[in-house]
Amino acid sequence: MIGPKNIALVVPTIRQESLSRFIAEWQPTGLFDKVDLIVMEDNPTRSFDLGDLLNYGYNVHHLCWDDIDGSGLDWSWIIPRRSDTVRSFAYWWAWRNSYEYIMTLDDDCYPSKDYPDLVGGHLAMLSKRTRWLSTLNNVRPRGVPYKNLGQRDVYVNHGIWQGILDYDAPQQLVNPVPEVYSHDNRLVPSGQYFPMCGMNVMWRREATVLMYHLLMGRWKPTLVMDGSEDKNGLCPLPFDRFGDIWCGILMKKVADHLGWAVSTGTPYIHHDRASNPFTNLRKEANGIEVNEWFWEKVDAISLPDQRDRVAGGRPGNGRDEHAAAYCYGVIGKHVKNFGGEHFDYWQRLGDAMVRWSDLFKVS
């Protein structure tokens, strides 16, 4: 039985009203009885309280920039601000506090009437072990082996959304939401990539090092030489709104190398709030072009053999975390050499990835 202390739910937010509705929508489903809630507020200090949740006896942790900057960490610069990618700090915090499973939801994601048990749905997908893909749903056709030999454990499950689709800005402007679209459960085949949306995901703790959402939006450098910082000491980064997408590419690269399976499909959530397409277009302008080749450069990276580092059997051995962290650091060193127009950014991002990976190297 997975108990409340073993599952952390990370919700990044910037507005109290958004979080208040999130809580009101999810509370009747019993979600907060099954998880410890980690609110990652993207503000310098805590600007609202969570008294109602505490009064109900739920386990709640409220983090903000003060927790990133005020804890004596020499790596706080790798956590961006004014972007949903600030959630990476809460991922590390949950890992550091020994949660077995970590999941994340955006604050505008609400229960789906078709899938009210969100936690149970994710855990069901993460409990699967398979290297075979059935050609039919809920049926075992002829030819599927009965013995579960050499199967892969699912380490990351990517839940899909109903309601407002996860479009980029050009798609928002030219394509209406289709009346019908499917959400079949499937394993993402080894060697293939997929657009990972960060609004509804759960993973095993061993995969946390692969869930870094990179440097997006704005960051807080230790030294600023050109006067570009704002009143909070933040400087702009050339990319935004691609943190989860590029994170998914990096995650899948390492997962395939280590023999970890990744699934996508259920459980669903209802995505309610459409973002402004013109604001998104401005934020995505640089990233749309880079997104066409980013995955190819990552795919071409050769990773070292990790068979001596990866534990046999089921997940849970620290060697798995060490192997994932080692591979992620190797990719970070390659990212530093991506070069091109945004040479400085790739240098900085590569350093951030290596520093992030060092946090997860266990003995």
Protein backbone atom coordinates (compact mmCIF):
# COMPACT_ATOMS: atom_id res chain seq x y z
CA MET A 1 0.00 0.00 0.00
CA ILE A 2 1.36 3.41 -1.00
CA GLY A 3 0.77 5.78 1.91
CA PRO A 4 0.37 9.58 1.95
CA LYS A 5 3.97 10.12 3.01
CA ASN A 6 5.21 8.35 -0.11
CA ILE A 7 3.61 10.56 -2.81
CA ALA A 8 4.37 14.24 -3.31
CA LEU A 9 2.18 16.45 -5.50
CA VAL A 10 3.96 19.57 -6.81
CA VAL A 11 1.77 22.47 -7.95
CA PRO A 12 3.52 25.62 -9.23
CA THR A 13 1.45 28.78 -8.89
CA ILE A 14 1.69 32.54 -8.74
CA ARG A 15 -1.85 33.54 -7.75
CA GLN A 16 -3.85 32.70 -4.66
CA GLU A 17 -7.15 32.68 -6.58
CA SER A 18 -5.82 30.03 -8.97
CA LEU A 19 -4.68 27.81 -6.12
CA SER A 20 -7.94 28.35 -4.22
CA ARG A 21 -9.98 27.07 -7.14
CA PHE A 22 -7.54 24.18 -7.64
CA ILE A 23 -8.06 23.13 -4.02
CA ALA A 24 -11.84 23.53 -4.20
CA GLU A 25 -12.04 21.39 -7.35
CA TRP A 26 -9.81 18.57 -6.10
CA GLN A 27 -10.79 18.35 -2.44
CA PRO A 28 -14.04 16.40 -3.02
CA THR A 29 -12.10 13.70 -4.93
CA GLY A 30 -9.97 12.84 -1.88
CA LEU A 31 -6.75 13.76 -3.68
CA PHE A 32 -5.23 15.50 -0.66
CA ASP A 33 -5.80 12.41 1.50
CA LYS A 34 -3.47 10.47 -0.81
CA VAL A 35 -0.61 12.91 -1.31
CA ASP A 36 1.49 15.50 0.45
CA LEU A 37 0.89 18.79 -1.35
CA ILE A 38 3.91 20.93 -2.23
CA VAL A 39 2.90 24.40 -3.39
CA MET A 40 5.75 26.02 -5.34
CA GLU A 41 4.93 29.72 -5.35
CA ASP A 42 6.76 31.67 -8.05
CA ASN A 43 7.18 34.78 -5.91
CA PRO A 44 10.06 36.14 -3.78
CA THR A 45 8.14 35.50 -0.53
CA ARG A 46 4.97 33.66 0.48
CA SER A 47 2.19 36.03 -0.56
CA PHE A 48 -0.74 33.98 0.73
CA ASP A 49 -1.40 31.33 3.35
CA LEU A 50 -2.78 27.82 3.11
CA GLY A 51 -4.72 27.87 6.35
CA ASP A 52 -7.80 26.09 5.01
CA LEU A 53 -5.78 23.08 3.91
CA LEU A 54 -3.94 22.95 7.21
CA ASN A 55 -7.23 23.15 9.10
CA TYR A 56 -8.38 20.00 7.31
CA GLY A 57 -5.28 18.20 8.55
CA TYR A 58 -3.65 17.76 5.14
CA ASN A 59 0.12 17.58 4.75
CA VAL A 60 1.07 20.80 2.97
CA HIS A 61 4.42 22.44 2.24
CA HIS A 62 4.60 25.97 0.85
CA LEU A 63 7.83 26.92 -0.95
CA CYS A 64 8.89 30.18 -2.62
CA TRP A 65 12.05 31.93 -3.79
CA ASP A 66 13.14 32.45 -0.19
CA ASP A 67 13.53 28.68 0.11
CA ILE A 68 15.66 28.60 -3.03
CA ASP A 69 17.90 31.54 -2.15
CA GLY A 70 17.90 31.47 1.63
CA SER A 71 19.02 27.95 2.32
CA GLY A 72 22.71 28.47 1.65
CA LEU A 73 22.62 26.53 -1.61
CA ASP A 74 25.41 27.37 -4.03
CA TRP A 75 23.32 26.13 -6.93
CA SER A 76 20.21 28.31 -6.56
CA TRP A 77 21.03 29.97 -9.90
CA ILE A 78 19.99 26.82 -11.79
CA ILE A 79 16.35 27.32 -10.72
CA PRO A 80 14.65 29.83 -13.05
CA ARG A 81 11.95 32.27 -11.95
CA ARG A 82 8.85 33.82 -13.51
CA SER A 83 8.26 30.53 -15.28
CA ASP A 84 6.48 27.31 -14.39
CA THR A 85 9.92 25.69 -14.54
CA VAL A 86 10.50 26.96 -11.00
CA ARG A 87 8.83 23.66 -10.10
CA SER A 88 12.20 21.93 -10.52
CA PHE A 89 13.18 23.11 -7.04
CA ALA A 90 10.11 21.43 -5.55
CA TYR A 91 11.00 18.23 -7.41
CA TRP A 92 14.43 18.21 -5.79
CA TRP A 93 12.88 19.10 -2.41
CA ALA A 94 10.50 16.12 -2.67
CA TRP A 95 13.34 13.80 -3.69
CA ARG A 96 15.50 15.07 -0.83
CA ASN A 97 12.63 14.32 1.57
CA SER A 98 12.50 10.70 0.40
CA TYR A 99 9.16 10.56 -1.41
CA GLU A 100 8.87 7.37 -3.45
CA TYR A 101 6.67 8.95 -6.12
CA ILE A 102 6.46 12.54 -7.31
CA MET A 103 3.70 13.97 -9.45
CA THR A 104 2.91 17.42 -10.76
CA LEU A 105 -0.21 19.29 -11.86
CA ASP A 106 -0.65 22.82 -13.16
CA ASP A 107 -2.93 25.02 -11.07
CA ASP A 108 -5.51 25.19 -13.88
CA CYS A 109 -5.92 21.41 -14.10
CA TYR A 110 -9.04 19.94 -12.50
CA PRO A 111 -10.61 16.49 -12.10
CA SER A 112 -11.91 14.71 -15.18
CA LYS A 113 -15.33 13.15 -14.78
CA ASP A 114 -13.97 10.19 -16.75
CA TYR A 115 -11.03 9.61 -14.39
CA PRO A 116 -11.69 10.81 -10.83
CA ASP A 117 -8.94 8.70 -9.18
CA LEU A 118 -5.89 10.53 -10.47
CA VAL A 119 -3.35 8.97 -8.11
CA GLY A 120 -4.66 5.45 -8.64
CA GLY A 121 -4.53 5.94 -12.39
CA HIS A 122 -0.91 7.03 -12.36
CA LEU A 123 0.15 4.26 -9.99
CA ALA A 124 -1.57 1.67 -12.18
CA MET A 125 0.48 2.81 -15.16
CA LEU A 126 3.71 2.90 -13.14
CA SER A 127 3.09 -0.68 -11.95
CA LYS A 128 3.19 -2.06 -15.49
CA ARG A 129 6.12 -4.12 -16.76
CA THR A 130 6.21 -4.80 -20.44
CA ARG A 131 8.28 -4.96 -23.59
CA TRP A 132 5.36 -6.10 -25.72
CA LEU A 133 2.75 -3.84 -27.31
CA SER A 134 -0.69 -5.42 -27.70
CA THR A 135 -2.52 -4.64 -30.93
CA LEU A 136 -5.84 -4.41 -29.05
CA ASN A 137 -6.91 -2.58 -25.92
CA ASN A 138 -7.94 -4.76 -22.94
CA VAL A 139 -7.48 -7.96 -24.98
CA ARG A 140 -4.54 -10.39 -25.13
CA PRO A 141 -4.30 -11.41 -28.79
CA ARG A 142 -2.58 -14.55 -30.00
CA GLY A 143 1.20 -14.43 -29.88
CA VAL A 144 1.77 -12.29 -26.78
CA PRO A 145 4.11 -14.28 -24.45
CA TYR A 146 2.70 -15.43 -21.13
CA LYS A 147 6.00 -15.21 -19.27
CA ASN A 148 7.14 -11.78 -18.11
CA LEU A 149 10.81 -12.30 -18.87
CA GLY A 150 13.15 -9.37 -19.38
CA GLN A 151 10.40 -6.81 -19.12
CA ARG A 152 10.88 -3.11 -18.50
CA ASP A 153 9.49 -1.16 -15.55
CA VAL A 154 7.61 2.06 -16.23
CA TYR A 155 9.44 4.92 -14.49
CA VAL A 156 7.53 7.92 -15.88
CA ASN A 157 3.82 8.18 -16.70
CA HIS A 158 2.55 11.11 -18.76
CA GLY A 159 -1.15 11.79 -18.24
CA ILE A 160 -3.17 13.50 -20.96
CA TRP A 161 -5.65 16.36 -20.69
CA GLN A 162 -9.20 17.08 -21.72
CA GLY A 163 -10.60 20.53 -22.42
CA ILE A 164 -8.03 23.10 -23.55
CA LEU A 165 -5.34 21.37 -25.61
CA ASP A 166 -1.63 21.92 -25.01
CA TYR A 167 -1.07 23.89 -28.22
CA ASP A 168 1.89 26.10 -29.06
CA ALA A 169 1.15 29.67 -30.12
CA PRO A 170 0.91 29.08 -33.91
CA GLN A 171 -1.49 26.19 -33.33
CA GLN A 172 -3.55 28.29 -30.92
CA LEU A 173 -3.96 30.95 -33.59
CA VAL A 174 -4.86 28.78 -36.58
CA ASN A 175 -6.37 25.52 -35.28
CA PRO A 176 -9.61 25.24 -33.31
CA VAL A 177 -9.92 22.55 -30.65
CA PRO A 178 -11.18 19.38 -32.39
CA GLU A 179 -14.42 17.89 -31.17
CA VAL A 180 -12.90 14.42 -30.83
CA TYR A 181 -9.36 13.35 -30.02
CA SER A 182 -8.13 10.12 -28.46
CA HIS A 183 -6.02 9.39 -25.39
CA ASP A 184 -4.99 5.76 -25.84
CA ASN A 185 -2.59 4.30 -23.30
CA ARG A 186 0.70 3.37 -24.86
CA LEU A 187 4.36 2.85 -24.12
CA VAL A 188 6.56 5.31 -25.96
CA PRO A 189 8.75 2.99 -28.09
CA SER A 190 12.44 2.90 -27.33
CA GLY A 191 14.32 5.29 -29.58
CA GLN A 192 11.30 7.51 -30.15
CA TYR A 193 10.43 10.84 -28.53
CA PHE A 194 7.16 12.52 -27.60
CA PRO A 195 6.04 16.04 -26.58
CA MET A 196 5.96 15.77 -22.79
CA CYS A 197 3.59 18.31 -21.26
CA GLY A 198 4.42 19.04 -17.61
CA MET A 199 0.86 19.62 -16.42
CA ASN A 200 0.00 15.99 -15.44
CA VAL A 201 2.94 13.64 -14.82
CA MET A 202 4.00 11.11 -12.16
CA TRP A 203 7.35 9.34 -11.85
CA ARG A 204 9.39 7.13 -9.56
CA ARG A 205 11.89 8.95 -7.36
CA GLU A 206 14.79 7.40 -9.29
CA ALA A 207 13.74 9.41 -12.36
CA THR A 208 13.67 12.80 -10.59
CA VAL A 209 17.09 13.80 -11.90
CA LEU A 210 15.65 13.51 -15.42
CA MET A 211 12.77 15.89 -14.66
CA TYR A 212 14.77 19.13 -14.52
CA HIS A 213 12.80 21.71 -16.53
CA LEU A 214 15.91 23.62 -17.59
CA LEU A 215 16.54 27.36 -17.69
CA MET A 216 13.47 29.17 -18.99
CA GLY A 217 11.98 32.62 -18.51
CA ARG A 218 14.28 34.48 -16.14
CA TRP A 219 17.16 33.46 -13.90
CA LYS A 220 19.09 34.91 -10.98
CA PRO A 221 22.83 34.98 -11.72
CA THR A 222 25.38 35.33 -8.96
CA LEU A 223 26.95 38.30 -10.77
CA VAL A 224 25.32 40.68 -13.24
CA MET A 225 27.66 42.78 -15.36
CA ASP A 226 25.41 44.39 -18.00
CA GLY A 227 22.63 45.97 -15.96
CA SER A 228 19.94 43.73 -17.48
CA GLU A 229 18.57 42.59 -14.13
CA ASP A 230 15.13 43.62 -12.88
CA LYS A 231 14.23 44.78 -9.35
CA ASN A 232 14.46 41.19 -8.09
CA GLY A 233 17.90 40.65 -9.60
CA LEU A 234 16.51 38.50 -12.43
CA CYS A 235 17.88 38.49 -15.97
CA PRO A 236 16.03 37.36 -19.11
CA LEU A 237 16.75 34.06 -20.81
CA PRO A 238 16.33 33.58 -24.57
CA PHE A 239 13.83 30.71 -24.22
CA ASP A 240 10.55 30.05 -22.45
CA ARG A 241 7.66 27.54 -22.61
CA PHE A 242 9.91 24.72 -23.79
CA GLY A 243 11.11 23.54 -20.38
CA ASP A 244 8.82 20.52 -20.17
CA ILE A 245 9.19 19.65 -23.87
CA TRP A 246 12.99 19.62 -23.85
CA CYS A 247 13.00 17.97 -20.42
CA GLY A 248 10.96 15.16 -21.96
CA ILE A 249 13.49 14.70 -24.76
CA LEU A 250 16.38 14.48 -22.30
CA MET A 251 14.41 12.19 -19.99
CA LYS A 252 13.51 9.80 -22.80
CA LYS A 253 17.10 9.66 -24.04
CA VAL A 254 18.38 8.49 -20.65
CA ALA A 255 15.37 6.27 -19.91
CA ASP A 256 15.89 4.36 -23.16
CA HIS A 257 19.58 3.95 -22.40
CA LEU A 258 18.87 2.53 -18.94
CA GLY A 259 16.04 0.27 -20.09
CA TRP A 260 13.32 2.27 -18.33
CA ALA A 261 9.87 2.38 -19.93
CA VAL A 262 7.85 5.59 -20.34
CA SER A 263 4.07 5.54 -20.78
CA THR A 264 1.52 8.10 -21.91
CA GLY A 265 -2.28 8.21 -21.78
CA THR A 266 -4.35 7.91 -18.63
CA PRO A 267 -5.19 9.25 -16.15
CA TYR A 268 -6.78 12.36 -17.65
CA ILE A 269 -7.27 15.77 -16.14
CA HIS A 270 -9.44 18.65 -17.34
CA HIS A 271 -7.37 21.62 -18.50
CA ASP A 272 -9.46 24.74 -18.07
CA ARG A 273 -7.53 27.93 -18.76
CA ALA A 274 -6.28 28.85 -22.23
CA SER A 275 -3.16 31.01 -22.21
CA ASN A 276 -2.83 34.10 -24.40
CA PRO A 277 -1.56 33.04 -27.85
CA PHE A 278 0.10 36.39 -28.58
CA THR A 279 1.98 36.33 -25.26
CA ASN A 280 2.93 32.73 -25.98
CA LEU A 281 4.16 33.62 -29.46
CA ARG A 282 6.54 36.17 -28.01
CA LYS A 283 7.82 33.68 -25.43
CA GLU A 284 8.13 30.80 -27.90
CA ALA A 285 9.65 32.68 -30.86
CA ASN A 286 13.26 31.58 -30.29
CA GLY A 287 12.38 28.10 -29.08
CA ILE A 288 10.18 27.08 -32.00
CA GLU A 289 13.15 27.13 -34.36
CA VAL A 290 15.50 25.40 -31.92
CA ASN A 291 12.87 22.75 -31.16
CA GLU A 292 13.25 21.51 -34.75
CA TRP A 293 16.82 20.34 -34.11
CA PHE A 294 17.21 20.08 -30.33
CA TRP A 295 15.99 16.48 -30.21
CA GLU A 296 18.32 15.46 -33.05
CA LYS A 297 21.39 16.76 -31.23
CA VAL A 298 20.32 14.99 -28.03
CA ASP A 299 19.57 11.78 -29.92
CA ALA A 300 23.07 11.79 -31.44
CA ILE A 301 24.82 11.86 -28.04
CA SER A 302 26.56 8.60 -27.15
CA LEU A 303 26.04 7.58 -23.52
CA PRO A 304 28.43 5.29 -21.60
CA ASP A 305 27.53 1.74 -20.64
CA GLN A 306 25.81 1.75 -17.25
CA ARG A 307 25.18 -1.96 -16.74
CA ASP A 308 27.50 -2.01 -13.73
CA ARG A 309 25.60 0.90 -12.19
CA VAL A 310 21.98 -0.13 -12.80
CA ALA A 311 20.43 -2.47 -10.24
CA GLY A 312 18.84 -5.71 -11.35
CA GLY A 313 15.22 -6.51 -10.57
CA ARG A 314 12.58 -3.98 -9.62
CA PRO A 315 13.20 -0.24 -9.02
CA GLY A 316 14.32 1.06 -5.67
CA ASN A 317 18.08 0.60 -5.59
CA GLY A 318 20.18 3.74 -5.29
CA ARG A 319 22.40 2.57 -8.13
CA ASP A 320 19.55 3.37 -10.53
CA GLU A 321 19.57 6.99 -9.39
CA HIS A 322 23.33 7.19 -9.71
CA ALA A 323 23.25 5.79 -13.25
CA ALA A 324 20.56 8.27 -14.32
CA ALA A 325 22.44 11.17 -12.75
CA TYR A 326 25.69 10.14 -14.41
CA CYS A 327 24.08 9.94 -17.87
CA TYR A 328 22.30 13.25 -17.39
CA GLY A 329 25.58 14.93 -16.49
CA VAL A 330 27.18 13.51 -19.63
CA ILE A 331 24.41 15.04 -21.75
CA GLY A 332 24.89 18.35 -19.95
CA LYS A 333 28.53 18.44 -21.01
CA HIS A 334 27.46 17.92 -24.63
CA VAL A 335 24.78 20.62 -24.39
CA LYS A 336 27.52 23.12 -23.53
CA ASN A 337 28.83 22.62 -27.06
CA PHE A 338 25.56 23.16 -28.94
CA GLY A 339 26.87 26.58 -29.95
CA GLY A 340 25.22 28.76 -32.56
CA GLU A 341 23.39 32.03 -32.01
CA HIS A 342 22.69 31.25 -28.35
CA PHE A 343 26.18 30.02 -27.48
CA ASP A 344 26.16 31.64 -24.02
CA TYR A 345 22.82 30.06 -23.16
CA TRP A 346 23.95 26.55 -24.06
CA GLN A 347 27.12 27.00 -22.01
CA ARG A 348 25.05 28.11 -19.03
CA LEU A 349 22.42 25.41 -19.48
CA GLY A 350 25.04 22.68 -19.76
CA ASP A 351 26.64 23.85 -16.52
CA ALA A 352 23.20 23.91 -14.87
CA MET A 353 22.45 20.35 -16.00
CA VAL A 354 25.76 19.07 -14.66
CA ARG A 355 25.21 20.86 -11.36
CA TRP A 356 21.68 19.46 -11.13
CA SER A 357 22.91 15.93 -11.84
CA ASP A 358 25.48 16.19 -9.05
CA LEU A 359 22.65 16.64 -6.53
CA PHE A 360 21.38 13.13 -7.24
CA LYS A 361 24.57 11.11 -7.23
CA VAL A 362 24.17 8.74 -4.31
CA SER A 363 26.79 6.41 -2.92
